[in-house]
């Protein structure tokens, strides 16, 4: 508004200067006419025509400047009418800028929160990765123990199989064979003794035969017990194999679950990075609009 009043005052001052110039030029021309009359070098008619022509030119110029002044005054009035609307638009723009600044601050806080969340997810991923490494190391250690146990069981089984060939029953069988040979020899001797009518040798032989039969029966029972014990050991070995298989499946399930958790955590991390990138892009666009 002040600039428009200043322009108006400037145009008024120019108009007054033009009026003064017109009066001064008229006086100058009047003096020139007097000089011409005194000197008699030019005619009075010519001087009057020149003055009239110059006055007409100055009048036309003044009219044009008055038209320009009216145009400027109309433009000034139009600008003064539009000034409240422009001020209202300026206030609206200022409010929009304040809203954008508030939104930018909100987005900045959101970005900081998302960045903190991303850092937390990264730390959680590191912890889970370390947990998976620990579980894998435990699984490897368990597999090594299982392998060692298998080798031990294999050695034990080989030792058992070897021991079977050298068990007490086998030794007893060899002893029984030797005893049978000995009994055959004694049988030959008994044939000779049986020809003896007294029968002492026959009675002694019968007692010894009964004793040997009892020993053979007891040893057969011991052999059967050894076989039952071997059967129980084989059953224990089969149960241990089943337990090992169940333990292997359990560790495989744990490793699979941990890998799934790691995959989900990585997916959440990627989604968070995409959201941060999108918010940064929106923040850049808002800064560009503000600029």
C-alpha atoms as a PDB file:
ATOM      1  CA  UNK A   1       0.000   0.000   0.000  1.00  0.00           C
ATOM      2  CA  UNK A   2       2.813   2.438   0.850  1.00  0.00           C
ATOM      3  CA  UNK A   3       4.503   1.787  -2.528  1.00  0.00           C
ATOM      4  CA  UNK A   4       1.239   2.581  -4.364  1.00  0.00           C
ATOM      5  CA  UNK A   5       0.877   5.940  -2.486  1.00  0.00           C
ATOM      6  CA  UNK A   6       4.485   6.759  -3.329  1.00  0.00           C
ATOM      7  CA  UNK A   7       3.844   6.079  -7.038  1.00  0.00           C
ATOM      8  CA  UNK A   8       0.761   8.270  -6.900  1.00  0.00           C
ATOM      9  CA  UNK A   9       2.752  11.153  -5.372  1.00  0.00           C
ATOM     10  CA  UNK A  10       5.467  10.714  -8.018  1.00  0.00           C
ATOM     11  CA  UNK A  11       2.937  10.947 -10.852  1.00  0.00           C
ATOM     12  CA  UNK A  12       1.388  14.082  -9.242  1.00  0.00           C
ATOM     13  CA  UNK A  13       4.820  15.682  -9.000  1.00  0.00           C
ATOM     14  CA  UNK A  14       5.550  14.914 -12.669  1.00  0.00           C
ATOM     15  CA  UNK A  15       2.216  16.423 -13.676  1.00  0.00           C
ATOM     16  CA  UNK A  16       2.996  19.648 -11.797  1.00  0.00           C
ATOM     17  CA  UNK A  17       6.438  19.811 -13.406  1.00  0.00           C
ATOM     18  CA  UNK A  18       4.879  19.474 -16.852  1.00  0.00           C
ATOM     19  CA  UNK A  19       2.480  22.364 -16.073  1.00  0.00           C
ATOM     20  CA  UNK A  20       5.391  24.514 -14.959  1.00  0.00           C
ATOM     21  CA  UNK A  21       7.318  23.630 -18.112  1.00  0.00           C
ATOM     22  CA  UNK A  22       4.287  24.617 -20.198  1.00  0.00           C
ATOM     23  CA  UNK A  23       4.053  28.034 -18.524  1.00  0.00           C
ATOM     24  CA  UNK A  24       7.798  28.563 -18.863  1.00  0.00           C
ATOM     25  CA  UNK A  25       7.806  27.650 -22.542  1.00  0.00           C
ATOM     26  CA  UNK A  26       4.909  29.999 -23.157  1.00  0.00           C
ATOM     27  CA  UNK A  27       6.862  32.823 -21.509  1.00  0.00           C
ATOM     28  CA  UNK A  28       9.950  31.950 -23.516  1.00  0.00           C
ATOM     29  CA  UNK A  29       8.020  31.991 -26.735  1.00  0.00           C
ATOM     30  CA  UNK A  30       6.413  35.233 -25.738  1.00  0.00           C
ATOM     31  CA  UNK A  31       9.817  36.814 -25.149  1.00  0.00           C
ATOM     32  CA  UNK A  32      11.024  35.479 -28.459  1.00  0.00           C
ATOM     33  CA  UNK A  33       8.051  37.092 -30.194  1.00  0.00           C
ATOM     34  CA  UNK A  34       8.855  40.421 -28.583  1.00  0.00           C
ATOM     35  CA  UNK A  35      12.425  40.075 -29.705  1.00  0.00           C
ATOM     36  CA  UNK A  36      11.316  39.283 -33.155  1.00  0.00           C
ATOM     37  CA  UNK A  37       9.059  42.316 -33.197  1.00  0.00           C
ATOM     38  CA  UNK A  38      11.923  44.487 -31.996  1.00  0.00           C
ATOM     39  CA  UNK A  39      14.408  43.126 -34.453  1.00  0.00           C
ATOM     40  CA  UNK A  40      11.835  42.870 -37.283  1.00  0.00           C
ATOM     41  CA  UNK A  41      13.625  39.742 -38.594  1.00  0.00           C
ATOM     42  CA  UNK A  42      10.536  37.453 -38.490  1.00  0.00           C
ATOM     43  CA  UNK A  43       6.907  38.165 -38.924  1.00  0.00           C
ATOM     44  CA  UNK A  44       4.476  38.215 -36.029  1.00  0.00           C
ATOM     45  CA  UNK A  45       2.196  35.712 -37.723  1.00  0.00           C
ATOM     46  CA  UNK A  46       4.923  33.131 -37.992  1.00  0.00           C
ATOM     47  CA  UNK A  47       5.793  33.491 -34.326  1.00  0.00           C
ATOM     48  CA  UNK A  48       2.163  33.168 -33.251  1.00  0.00           C
ATOM     49  CA  UNK A  49       1.761  30.038 -35.364  1.00  0.00           C
ATOM     50  CA  UNK A  50       4.891  28.504 -33.838  1.00  0.00           C
ATOM     51  CA  UNK A  51       3.671  29.287 -30.335  1.00  0.00           C
ATOM     52  CA  UNK A  52       0.231  27.870 -31.100  1.00  0.00           C
ATOM     53  CA  UNK A  53       1.741  24.721 -32.608  1.00  0.00           C
ATOM     54  CA  UNK A  54       4.045  24.230 -29.634  1.00  0.00           C
ATOM     55  CA  UNK A  55       1.159  24.880 -27.206  1.00  0.00           C
ATOM     56  CA  UNK A  56      -0.984  22.322 -29.054  1.00  0.00           C
ATOM     57  CA  UNK A  57       1.831  19.781 -28.867  1.00  0.00           C
ATOM     58  CA  UNK A  58       2.272  20.394 -25.160  1.00  0.00           C
ATOM     59  CA  UNK A  59      -1.494  20.090 -24.645  1.00  0.00           C
ATOM     60  CA  UNK A  60      -1.625  16.742 -26.465  1.00  0.00           C
ATOM     61  CA  UNK A  61       1.334  15.515 -24.460  1.00  0.00           C
ATOM     62  CA  UNK A  62      -0.397  16.621 -21.270  1.00  0.00           C
ATOM     63  CA  UNK A  63      -3.595  14.824 -22.294  1.00  0.00           C
ATOM     64  CA  UNK A  64      -1.667  11.631 -22.990  1.00  0.00           C
ATOM     65  CA  UNK A  65       0.036  11.889 -19.611  1.00  0.00           C
ATOM     66  CA  UNK A  66      -3.352  12.500 -17.965  1.00  0.00           C
ATOM     67  CA  UNK A  67      -4.663   9.368 -19.686  1.00  0.00           C
ATOM     68  CA  UNK A  68      -1.626   7.449 -18.449  1.00  0.00           C
ATOM     69  CA  UNK A  69      -2.217   8.879 -14.967  1.00  0.00           C
ATOM     70  CA  UNK A  70      -5.866   7.771 -15.042  1.00  0.00           C
ATOM     71  CA  UNK A  71      -4.815   4.342 -16.258  1.00  0.00           C
ATOM     72  CA  UNK A  72      -2.268   4.103 -13.460  1.00  0.00           C
ATOM     73  CA  UNK A  73      -4.847   5.315 -10.942  1.00  0.00           C
ATOM     74  CA  UNK A  74      -7.303   2.667 -12.170  1.00  0.00           C
ATOM     75  CA  UNK A  75      -4.571   0.021 -11.976  1.00  0.00           C
ATOM     76  CA  UNK A  76      -3.722   1.275  -8.486  1.00  0.00           C
ATOM     77  CA  UNK A  77      -7.377   1.027  -7.442  1.00  0.00           C
ATOM     78  CA  UNK A  78      -7.594  -2.456  -8.931  1.00  0.00           C
ATOM     79  CA  UNK A  79      -4.432  -3.455  -7.079  1.00  0.00           C
ATOM     80  CA  UNK A  80      -5.829  -1.977  -3.856  1.00  0.00           C
ATOM     81  CA  UNK A  81      -8.992  -4.042  -4.396  1.00  0.00           C
ATOM     82  CA  UNK A  82      -6.953  -7.163  -5.025  1.00  0.00           C
ATOM     83  CA  UNK A  83      -4.616  -6.470  -2.095  1.00  0.00           C
ATOM     84  CA  UNK A  84      -6.888  -8.065   0.619  1.00  0.00           C
ATOM     85  CA  UNK A  85      -7.268 -11.170  -1.516  1.00  0.00           C
ATOM     86  CA  UNK A  86      -3.489 -11.293  -2.032  1.00  0.00           C
ATOM     87  CA  UNK A  87      -2.925 -10.827   1.696  1.00  0.00           C
ATOM     88  CA  UNK A  88      -5.433 -13.607   2.380  1.00  0.00           C
ATOM     89  CA  UNK A  89      -3.618 -15.854  -0.116  1.00  0.00           C
ATOM     90  CA  UNK A  90      -0.306 -14.933   1.557  1.00  0.00           C
ATOM     91  CA  UNK A  91      -1.696 -15.851   4.991  1.00  0.00           C
ATOM     92  CA  UNK A  92      -3.060 -19.086   3.519  1.00  0.00           C
ATOM     93  CA  UNK A  93       0.358 -19.868   2.051  1.00  0.00           C
ATOM     94  CA  UNK A  94       1.977 -19.097   5.410  1.00  0.00           C
ATOM     95  CA  UNK A  95      -0.460 -21.459   7.126  1.00  0.00           C
ATOM     96  CA  UNK A  96       0.294 -24.132   4.509  1.00  0.00           C
ATOM     97  CA  UNK A  97       4.027 -23.616   5.096  1.00  0.00           C
ATOM     98  CA  UNK A  98       3.509 -23.963   8.861  1.00  0.00           C
ATOM     99  CA  UNK A  99       1.471 -27.137   8.284  1.00  0.00           C
ATOM    100  CA  UNK A 100       4.171 -28.479   5.969  1.00  0.00           C
ATOM    101  CA  UNK A 101       6.844 -27.675   8.549  1.00  0.00           C
ATOM    102  CA  UNK A 102       4.803 -29.495  11.214  1.00  0.00           C
ATOM    103  CA  UNK A 103       4.313 -32.426   8.870  1.00  0.00           C
ATOM    104  CA  UNK A 104       8.037 -32.426   8.098  1.00  0.00           C
ATOM    105  CA  UNK A 105       8.816 -32.482  11.830  1.00  0.00           C
ATOM    106  CA  UNK A 106       6.341 -35.352  12.263  1.00  0.00           C
ATOM    107  CA  UNK A 107       7.936 -37.220   9.357  1.00  0.00           C
ATOM    108  CA  UNK A 108      11.382 -36.569  10.834  1.00  0.00           C
ATOM    109  CA  UNK A 109      10.266 -38.013  14.182  1.00  0.00           C
ATOM    110  CA  UNK A 110       8.708 -40.937  12.341  1.00  0.00           C
ATOM    111  CA  UNK A 111      11.962 -41.443  10.443  1.00  0.00           C
ATOM    112  CA  UNK A 112      13.937 -41.418  13.704  1.00  0.00           C
ATOM    113  CA  UNK A 113      11.511 -43.935  15.225  1.00  0.00           C
ATOM    114  CA  UNK A 114      11.768 -46.168  12.161  1.00  0.00           C
ATOM    115  CA  UNK A 115      15.544 -45.857  12.226  1.00  0.00           C
ATOM    116  CA  UNK A 116      15.565 -46.880  15.894  1.00  0.00           C
ATOM    117  CA  UNK A 117      13.228 -49.732  15.060  1.00  0.00           C
ATOM    118  CA  UNK A 118      15.511 -50.785  12.219  1.00  0.00           C
ATOM    119  CA  UNK A 119      18.489 -50.689  14.591  1.00  0.00           C
ATOM    120  CA  UNK A 120      16.570 -52.821  17.079  1.00  0.00           C
ATOM    121  CA  UNK A 121      15.664 -55.285  14.330  1.00  0.00           C
ATOM    122  CA  UNK A 122      19.311 -55.399  13.274  1.00  0.00           C
ATOM    123  CA  UNK A 123      20.377 -56.128  16.840  1.00  0.00           C
ATOM    124  CA  UNK A 124      17.671 -58.782  17.118  1.00  0.00           C
ATOM    125  CA  UNK A 125      18.830 -60.288  13.819  1.00  0.00           C
ATOM    126  CA  UNK A 126      22.403 -60.375  15.132  1.00  0.00           C
ATOM    127  CA  UNK A 127      21.222 -62.079  18.326  1.00  0.00           C
ATOM    128  CA  UNK A 128      19.188 -64.587  16.335  1.00  0.00           C
ATOM    129  CA  UNK A 129      22.088 -65.187  14.011  1.00  0.00           C
ATOM    130  CA  UNK A 130      24.343 -65.805  17.009  1.00  0.00           C
ATOM    131  CA  UNK A 131      21.665 -68.076  18.507  1.00  0.00           C
ATOM    132  CA  UNK A 132      21.463 -70.006  15.238  1.00  0.00           C
ATOM    133  CA  UNK A 133      25.251 -70.315  15.183  1.00  0.00           C
ATOM    134  CA  UNK A 134      25.194 -71.581  18.766  1.00  0.00           C
ATOM    135  CA  UNK A 135      22.433 -74.055  17.907  1.00  0.00           C
ATOM    136  CA  UNK A 136      24.336 -75.198  14.818  1.00  0.00           C
ATOM    137  CA  UNK A 137      27.487 -75.629  16.908  1.00  0.00           C
ATOM    138  CA  UNK A 138      25.477 -77.562  19.493  1.00  0.00           C
ATOM    139  CA  UNK A 139      23.947 -79.643  16.706  1.00  0.00           C
ATOM    140  CA  UNK A 140      27.398 -80.314  15.249  1.00  0.00           C
ATOM    141  CA  UNK A 141      28.699 -81.225  18.700  1.00  0.00           C
ATOM    142  CA  UNK A 142      25.692 -83.506  19.211  1.00  0.00           C
ATOM    143  CA  UNK A 143      26.216 -85.092  15.795  1.00  0.00           C
ATOM    144  CA  UNK A 144      29.875 -85.627  16.654  1.00  0.00           C
ATOM    145  CA  UNK A 145      28.848 -87.232  19.949  1.00  0.00           C
ATOM    146  CA  UNK A 146      26.320 -89.393  18.113  1.00  0.00           C
ATOM    147  CA  UNK A 147      28.979 -90.364  15.577  1.00  0.00           C
ATOM    148  CA  UNK A 148      31.389 -91.197  18.386  1.00  0.00           C
ATOM    149  CA  UNK A 149      28.637 -93.178  20.108  1.00  0.00           C
ATOM    150  CA  UNK A 150      27.914 -95.024  16.860  1.00  0.00           C
ATOM    151  CA  UNK A 151      31.572 -95.865  16.454  1.00  0.00           C
ATOM    152  CA  UNK A 152      31.694 -96.941  20.076  1.00  0.00           C
ATOM    153  CA  UNK A 153      28.571 -99.080  19.621  1.00  0.00           C
ATOM    154  CA  UNK A 154      30.036-100.551  16.452  1.00  0.00           C
ATOM    155  CA  UNK A 155      33.226-101.406  18.318  1.00  0.00           C
ATOM    156  CA  UNK A 156      31.165-102.811  21.163  1.00  0.00           C
ATOM    157  CA  UNK A 157      29.115-104.856  18.715  1.00  0.00           C
ATOM    158  CA  UNK A 158      32.260-106.160  17.049  1.00  0.00           C
ATOM    159  CA  UNK A 159      33.672-106.958  20.470  1.00  0.00           C
ATOM    160  CA  UNK A 160      30.432-108.728  21.388  1.00  0.00           C
ATOM    161  CA  UNK A 161      30.490-110.712  18.162  1.00  0.00           C
ATOM    162  CA  UNK A 162      34.096-111.586  18.780  1.00  0.00           C
ATOM    163  CA  UNK A 163      33.318-112.426  22.364  1.00  0.00           C
ATOM    164  CA  UNK A 164      30.489-114.691  21.202  1.00  0.00           C
ATOM    165  CA  UNK A 165      33.030-116.851  19.456  1.00  0.00           C
ATOM    166  CA  UNK A 166      35.102-116.964  22.602  1.00  0.00           C
ATOM    167  CA  UNK A 167      32.384-117.175  25.232  1.00  0.00           C
ATOM    168  CA  UNK A 168      32.341-119.520  28.127  1.00  0.00           C
ATOM    169  CA  UNK A 169      29.798-121.684  26.302  1.00  0.00           C
ATOM    170  CA  UNK A 170      32.230-122.169  23.449  1.00  0.00           C
ATOM    171  CA  UNK A 171      34.969-123.021  25.862  1.00  0.00           C
ATOM    172  CA  UNK A 172      32.633-125.328  27.723  1.00  0.00           C
ATOM    173  CA  UNK A 173      31.709-126.999  24.450  1.00  0.00           C
ATOM    174  CA  UNK A 174      35.374-127.633  23.759  1.00  0.00           C
ATOM    175  CA  UNK A 175      35.791-128.930  27.252  1.00  0.00           C
ATOM    176  CA  UNK A 176      32.762-131.189  26.766  1.00  0.00           C
ATOM    177  CA  UNK A 177      34.284-132.519  23.594  1.00  0.00           C
ATOM    178  CA  UNK A 178      37.480-133.288  25.440  1.00  0.00           C
ATOM    179  CA  UNK A 179      35.378-134.810  28.172  1.00  0.00           C
ATOM    180  CA  UNK A 180      33.537-137.010  25.653  1.00  0.00           C
ATOM    181  CA  UNK A 181      36.859-138.232  24.352  1.00  0.00           C
ATOM    182  CA  UNK A 182      37.923-138.931  27.877  1.00  0.00           C
ATOM    183  CA  UNK A 183      34.637-140.720  28.547  1.00  0.00           C
ATOM    184  CA  UNK A 184      35.096-142.849  25.495  1.00  0.00           C
ATOM    185  CA  UNK A 185      38.466-143.892  26.761  1.00  0.00           C
ATOM    186  CA  UNK A 186      36.968-144.619  30.151  1.00  0.00           C
ATOM    187  CA  UNK A 187      34.193-146.528  28.412  1.00  0.00           C
ATOM    188  CA  UNK A 188      36.712-148.848  26.919  1.00  0.00           C
ATOM    189  CA  UNK A 189      38.198-149.293  30.296  1.00  0.00           C
ATOM    190  CA  UNK A 190      34.760-149.869  31.781  1.00  0.00           C
ATOM    191  CA  UNK A 191      34.003-152.573  29.253  1.00  0.00           C
ATOM    192  CA  UNK A 192      36.892-154.462  30.681  1.00  0.00           C
ATOM    193  CA  UNK A 193      35.852-153.590  34.219  1.00  0.00           C
ATOM    194  CA  UNK A 194      32.263-154.662  33.525  1.00  0.00           C
ATOM    195  CA  UNK A 195      33.464-158.161  32.908  1.00  0.00           C
ATOM    196  CA  UNK A 196      34.345-158.067  36.571  1.00  0.00           C
ATOM    197  CA  UNK A 197      31.520-159.705  38.485  1.00  0.00           C
ATOM    198  CA  UNK A 198      32.062-157.461  41.559  1.00  0.00           C
ATOM    199  CA  UNK A 199      30.517-154.369  39.764  1.00  0.00           C
ATOM    200  CA  UNK A 200      32.331-151.657  41.753  1.00  0.00           C
ATOM    201  CA  UNK A 201      33.629-150.066  38.612  1.00  0.00           C
ATOM    202  CA  UNK A 202      30.179-150.146  37.049  1.00  0.00           C
ATOM    203  CA  UNK A 203      28.652-148.410  40.064  1.00  0.00           C
ATOM    204  CA  UNK A 204      31.382-145.761  40.140  1.00  0.00           C
ATOM    205  CA  UNK A 205      30.918-145.182  36.427  1.00  0.00           C
ATOM    206  CA  UNK A 206      27.207-144.738  36.889  1.00  0.00           C
ATOM    207  CA  UNK A 207      27.768-142.140  39.615  1.00  0.00           C
ATOM    208  CA  UNK A 208      30.271-140.253  37.515  1.00  0.00           C
ATOM    209  CA  UNK A 209      27.928-140.402  34.503  1.00  0.00           C
ATOM    210  CA  UNK A 210      25.095-138.919  36.539  1.00  0.00           C
ATOM    211  CA  UNK A 211      27.385-136.188  37.785  1.00  0.00           C
ATOM    212  CA  UNK A 212      28.489-135.341  34.240  1.00  0.00           C
ATOM    213  CA  UNK A 213      24.900-135.232  33.049  1.00  0.00           C
ATOM    214  CA  UNK A 214      24.040-132.779  35.807  1.00  0.00           C
ATOM    215  CA  UNK A 215      27.041-130.615  34.897  1.00  0.00           C
ATOM    216  CA  UNK A 216      26.072-130.684  31.213  1.00  0.00           C
ATOM    217  CA  UNK A 217      22.514-129.657  32.074  1.00  0.00           C
ATOM    218  CA  UNK A 218      23.733-126.777  34.259  1.00  0.00           C
ATOM    219  CA  UNK A 219      26.084-125.600  31.563  1.00  0.00           C
ATOM    220  CA  UNK A 220      23.313-125.723  28.975  1.00  0.00           C
ATOM    221  CA  UNK A 221      21.222-123.551  31.286  1.00  0.00           C
ATOM    222  CA  UNK A 222      24.163-121.114  31.602  1.00  0.00           C
ATOM    223  CA  UNK A 223      24.485-121.020  27.802  1.00  0.00           C
ATOM    224  CA  UNK A 224      20.756-120.217  27.484  1.00  0.00           C
ATOM    225  CA  UNK A 225      21.171-117.395  30.040  1.00  0.00           C
ATOM    226  CA  UNK A 226      24.090-115.997  28.066  1.00  0.00           C
ATOM    227  CA  UNK A 227      21.976-116.025  24.932  1.00  0.00           C
ATOM    228  CA  UNK A 228      19.165-114.156  26.732  1.00  0.00           C
ATOM    229  CA  UNK A 229      21.668-111.570  27.922  1.00  0.00           C
ATOM    230  CA  UNK A 230      22.964-111.095  24.372  1.00  0.00           C
ATOM    231  CA  UNK A 231      19.384-110.711  23.164  1.00  0.00           C
ATOM    232  CA  UNK A 232      18.747-108.011  25.784  1.00  0.00           C
ATOM    233  CA  UNK A 233      21.924-106.175  24.751  1.00  0.00           C
ATOM    234  CA  UNK A 234      20.812-106.221  21.105  1.00  0.00           C
ATOM    235  CA  UNK A 235      17.411-104.822  22.168  1.00  0.00           C
ATOM    236  CA  UNK A 236      19.177-102.051  24.116  1.00  0.00           C
ATOM    237  CA  UNK A 237      21.259-101.246  21.026  1.00  0.00           C
ATOM    238  CA  UNK A 238      18.093-101.043  18.878  1.00  0.00           C
ATOM    239  CA  UNK A 239      16.445 -98.703  21.396  1.00  0.00           C
ATOM    240  CA  UNK A 240      19.534 -96.474  21.411  1.00  0.00           C
ATOM    241  CA  UNK A 241      19.418 -96.308  17.605  1.00  0.00           C
ATOM    242  CA  UNK A 242      15.769 -95.207  17.733  1.00  0.00           C
ATOM    243  CA  UNK A 243      16.584 -92.559  20.346  1.00  0.00           C
ATOM    244  CA  UNK A 244      19.414 -91.266  18.177  1.00  0.00           C
ATOM    245  CA  UNK A 245      17.081 -90.975  15.176  1.00  0.00           C
ATOM    246  CA  UNK A 246      14.473 -89.100  17.253  1.00  0.00           C
ATOM    247  CA  UNK A 247      17.159 -86.727  18.582  1.00  0.00           C
ATOM    248  CA  UNK A 248      18.427 -86.075  15.040  1.00  0.00           C
ATOM    249  CA  UNK A 249      14.909 -85.215  13.841  1.00  0.00           C
ATOM    250  CA  UNK A 250      14.433 -82.915  16.839  1.00  0.00           C
ATOM    251  CA  UNK A 251      17.634 -80.980  16.127  1.00  0.00           C
ATOM    252  CA  UNK A 252      16.722 -80.721  12.428  1.00  0.00           C
ATOM    253  CA  UNK A 253      13.308 -79.278  13.380  1.00  0.00           C
ATOM    254  CA  UNK A 254      14.983 -76.737  15.699  1.00  0.00           C
ATOM    255  CA  UNK A 255      17.406 -75.630  12.968  1.00  0.00           C
ATOM    256  CA  UNK A 256      14.550 -75.365  10.465  1.00  0.00           C
ATOM    257  CA  UNK A 257      12.479 -73.243  12.860  1.00  0.00           C
ATOM    258  CA  UNK A 258      15.401 -70.929  13.548  1.00  0.00           C
ATOM    259  CA  UNK A 259      16.020 -70.496   9.828  1.00  0.00           C
ATOM    260  CA  UNK A 260      12.347 -69.608   9.319  1.00  0.00           C
ATOM    261  CA  UNK A 261      12.593 -67.020  12.105  1.00  0.00           C
ATOM    262  CA  UNK A 262      15.702 -65.552  10.480  1.00  0.00           C
ATOM    263  CA  UNK A 263      13.913 -65.356   7.110  1.00  0.00           C
ATOM    264  CA  UNK A 264      10.955 -63.544   8.690  1.00  0.00           C
ATOM    265  CA  UNK A 265      13.268 -61.130  10.495  1.00  0.00           C
ATOM    266  CA  UNK A 266      15.091 -60.377   7.222  1.00  0.00           C
ATOM    267  CA  UNK A 267      11.744 -59.780   5.480  1.00  0.00           C
ATOM    268  CA  UNK A 268      10.702 -57.328   8.238  1.00  0.00           C
ATOM    269  CA  UNK A 269      14.084 -55.598   7.915  1.00  0.00           C
ATOM    270  CA  UNK A 270      13.661 -55.185   4.146  1.00  0.00           C
ATOM    271  CA  UNK A 271      10.122 -53.843   4.599  1.00  0.00           C
ATOM    272  CA  UNK A 272      11.358 -51.327   7.171  1.00  0.00           C
ATOM    273  CA  UNK A 273      14.130 -50.163   4.821  1.00  0.00           C
ATOM    274  CA  UNK A 274      11.521 -49.682   2.046  1.00  0.00           C
ATOM    275  CA  UNK A 275       9.348 -47.596   4.400  1.00  0.00           C
ATOM    276  CA  UNK A 276      12.331 -45.444   5.406  1.00  0.00           C
ATOM    277  CA  UNK A 277      13.252 -44.920   1.744  1.00  0.00           C
ATOM    278  CA  UNK A 278       9.636 -43.935   0.941  1.00  0.00           C
ATOM    279  CA  UNK A 279       9.500 -41.475   3.868  1.00  0.00           C
ATOM    280  CA  UNK A 280      12.849 -39.958   2.866  1.00  0.00           C
ATOM    281  CA  UNK A 281      11.532 -39.551  -0.679  1.00  0.00           C
ATOM    282  CA  UNK A 282       8.378 -37.822   0.648  1.00  0.00           C
ATOM    283  CA  UNK A 283      10.560 -35.608   2.871  1.00  0.00           C
ATOM    284  CA  UNK A 284      12.698 -34.618  -0.143  1.00  0.00           C
ATOM    285  CA  UNK A 285       9.567 -33.807  -2.179  1.00  0.00           C
ATOM    286  CA  UNK A 286       8.163 -31.685   0.670  1.00  0.00           C
ATOM    287  CA  UNK A 287      11.485 -29.817   0.994  1.00  0.00           C
ATOM    288  CA  UNK A 288      11.438 -29.236  -2.764  1.00  0.00           C
ATOM    289  CA  UNK A 289       7.854 -27.884  -2.588  1.00  0.00           C
ATOM    290  CA  UNK A 290       8.784 -25.641   0.331  1.00  0.00           C
ATOM    291  CA  UNK A 291      11.831 -24.347  -1.543  1.00  0.00           C
END
